[in-house]
Amino acid sequence: MLPLQQLSEKEVLNTVRELIYEVVGEDYAIDLEVEMETSFQDDLELESIEFVTLAERLMDTFGESVDFTSWIANMEVEEIIAMTVGQLVEYISKSLE
């Protein structure tokens, strides 16, 4: 694996996709295609506890520079509801620079 700072956006997406599949479970993930435009609310239907689990896995995977919890804490509720996987991937990519 490349050092985290050298991961491409596609590699970050693939890692985030794997983490999402782990969080939602294999049975649910079978029918999911997680892409940049996939929304957490409408498409993935993530619950609050799943967001917490995802945040923990993101930090375990990418390190403390990816603080998902602090990042979404600065958002309005409407922004969180509308958030896409692509926005998260872009945040992670910027955080790793």
Protein backbone atom coordinates (compact mmCIF):
# COMPACT_ATOMS: atom_id res chain seq x y z
CA MET A 1 0.00 0.00 0.00
CA LEU A 2 1.15 3.52 -0.78
CA PRO A 3 1.85 5.95 2.04
CA LEU A 4 -1.42 7.66 2.95
CA GLN A 5 -0.24 11.00 1.55
CA GLN A 6 0.18 9.40 -1.89
CA LEU A 7 -3.25 7.79 -2.17
CA SER A 8 -5.21 8.84 -5.23
CA GLU A 9 -8.83 9.92 -4.90
CA LYS A 10 -9.83 6.60 -6.48
CA GLU A 11 -7.83 4.66 -3.88
CA VAL A 12 -9.44 6.69 -1.09
CA LEU A 13 -12.88 5.96 -2.60
CA ASN A 14 -12.11 2.23 -2.75
CA THR A 15 -11.03 2.25 0.91
CA VAL A 16 -14.09 4.26 1.99
CA ARG A 17 -16.29 1.88 0.00
CA GLU A 18 -14.80 -1.12 1.84
CA LEU A 19 -15.32 0.58 5.21
CA ILE A 20 -18.94 1.39 4.37
CA TYR A 21 -19.54 -2.24 3.37
CA GLU A 22 -18.08 -3.35 6.71
CA VAL A 23 -20.27 -0.91 8.64
CA VAL A 24 -23.58 -1.71 6.90
CA GLY A 25 -22.98 -5.45 6.80
CA GLU A 26 -22.57 -7.96 4.00
CA ASP A 27 -26.26 -8.72 3.57
CA TYR A 28 -27.17 -5.09 3.00
CA ALA A 29 -24.01 -4.29 1.02
CA ILE A 30 -24.69 -6.92 -1.65
CA ASP A 31 -27.13 -4.60 -3.42
CA LEU A 32 -25.09 -1.40 -2.94
CA GLU A 33 -22.91 0.35 -5.47
CA VAL A 34 -21.08 3.02 -3.53
CA GLU A 35 -19.80 5.76 -5.83
CA MET A 36 -18.84 9.43 -5.41
CA GLU A 37 -22.45 10.60 -5.88
CA THR A 38 -23.89 8.08 -3.39
CA SER A 39 -25.62 9.88 -0.51
CA PHE A 40 -25.33 8.66 3.04
CA GLN A 41 -28.95 9.42 3.86
CA ASP A 42 -30.99 8.61 0.75
CA ASP A 43 -28.89 5.84 -0.80
CA LEU A 44 -27.11 4.20 2.14
CA GLU A 45 -29.66 5.05 4.84
CA LEU A 46 -26.93 5.13 7.49
CA GLU A 47 -28.13 5.40 11.09
CA SER A 48 -26.38 7.53 13.71
CA ILE A 49 -24.60 4.55 15.25
CA GLU A 50 -23.32 3.55 11.81
CA PHE A 51 -21.90 7.05 11.35
CA VAL A 52 -20.07 6.67 14.67
CA THR A 53 -18.69 3.30 13.61
CA LEU A 54 -17.64 4.70 10.24
CA ALA A 55 -15.90 7.62 11.96
CA GLU A 56 -13.93 5.21 14.15
CA ARG A 57 -12.91 3.07 11.18
CA LEU A 58 -11.89 6.11 9.17
CA MET A 59 -9.59 7.25 11.98
CA ASP A 60 -8.19 3.73 12.41
CA THR A 61 -7.51 3.51 8.68
CA PHE A 62 -6.35 7.02 7.81
CA GLY A 63 -5.07 8.28 11.16
CA GLU A 64 -5.95 11.24 13.31
CA SER A 65 -5.70 13.74 10.47
CA VAL A 66 -9.09 12.42 9.28
CA ASP A 67 -11.37 13.55 12.08
CA PHE A 68 -14.79 12.80 10.60
CA THR A 69 -16.60 13.75 13.80
CA SER A 70 -15.07 17.23 13.95
CA TRP A 71 -15.63 17.71 10.23
CA ILE A 72 -19.38 17.02 10.38
CA ALA A 73 -19.69 18.96 13.64
CA ASN A 74 -19.14 22.12 11.59
CA MET A 75 -22.01 21.30 9.21
CA GLU A 76 -25.65 22.23 9.34
CA VAL A 77 -28.13 19.35 9.70
CA GLU A 78 -29.23 19.79 6.09
CA GLU A 79 -25.62 19.49 4.90
CA ILE A 80 -25.12 16.27 6.85
CA ILE A 81 -28.34 14.81 5.46
CA ALA A 82 -27.30 15.70 1.89
CA MET A 83 -23.67 14.56 2.28
CA THR A 84 -22.28 12.27 -0.41
CA VAL A 85 -19.48 9.73 -0.39
CA GLY A 86 -17.64 12.04 -2.78
CA GLN A 87 -17.63 14.86 -0.24
CA LEU A 88 -16.14 12.49 2.33
CA VAL A 89 -13.51 11.25 -0.14
CA GLU A 90 -12.54 14.84 -0.96
CA TYR A 91 -12.30 15.68 2.74
CA ILE A 92 -10.07 12.65 3.38
CA SER A 93 -7.86 13.43 0.39
CA LYS A 94 -7.35 17.02 1.58
CA SER A 95 -6.72 15.88 5.15
CA LEU A 96 -3.98 13.50 3.99
CA GLU A 97 -2.09 16.17 2.02
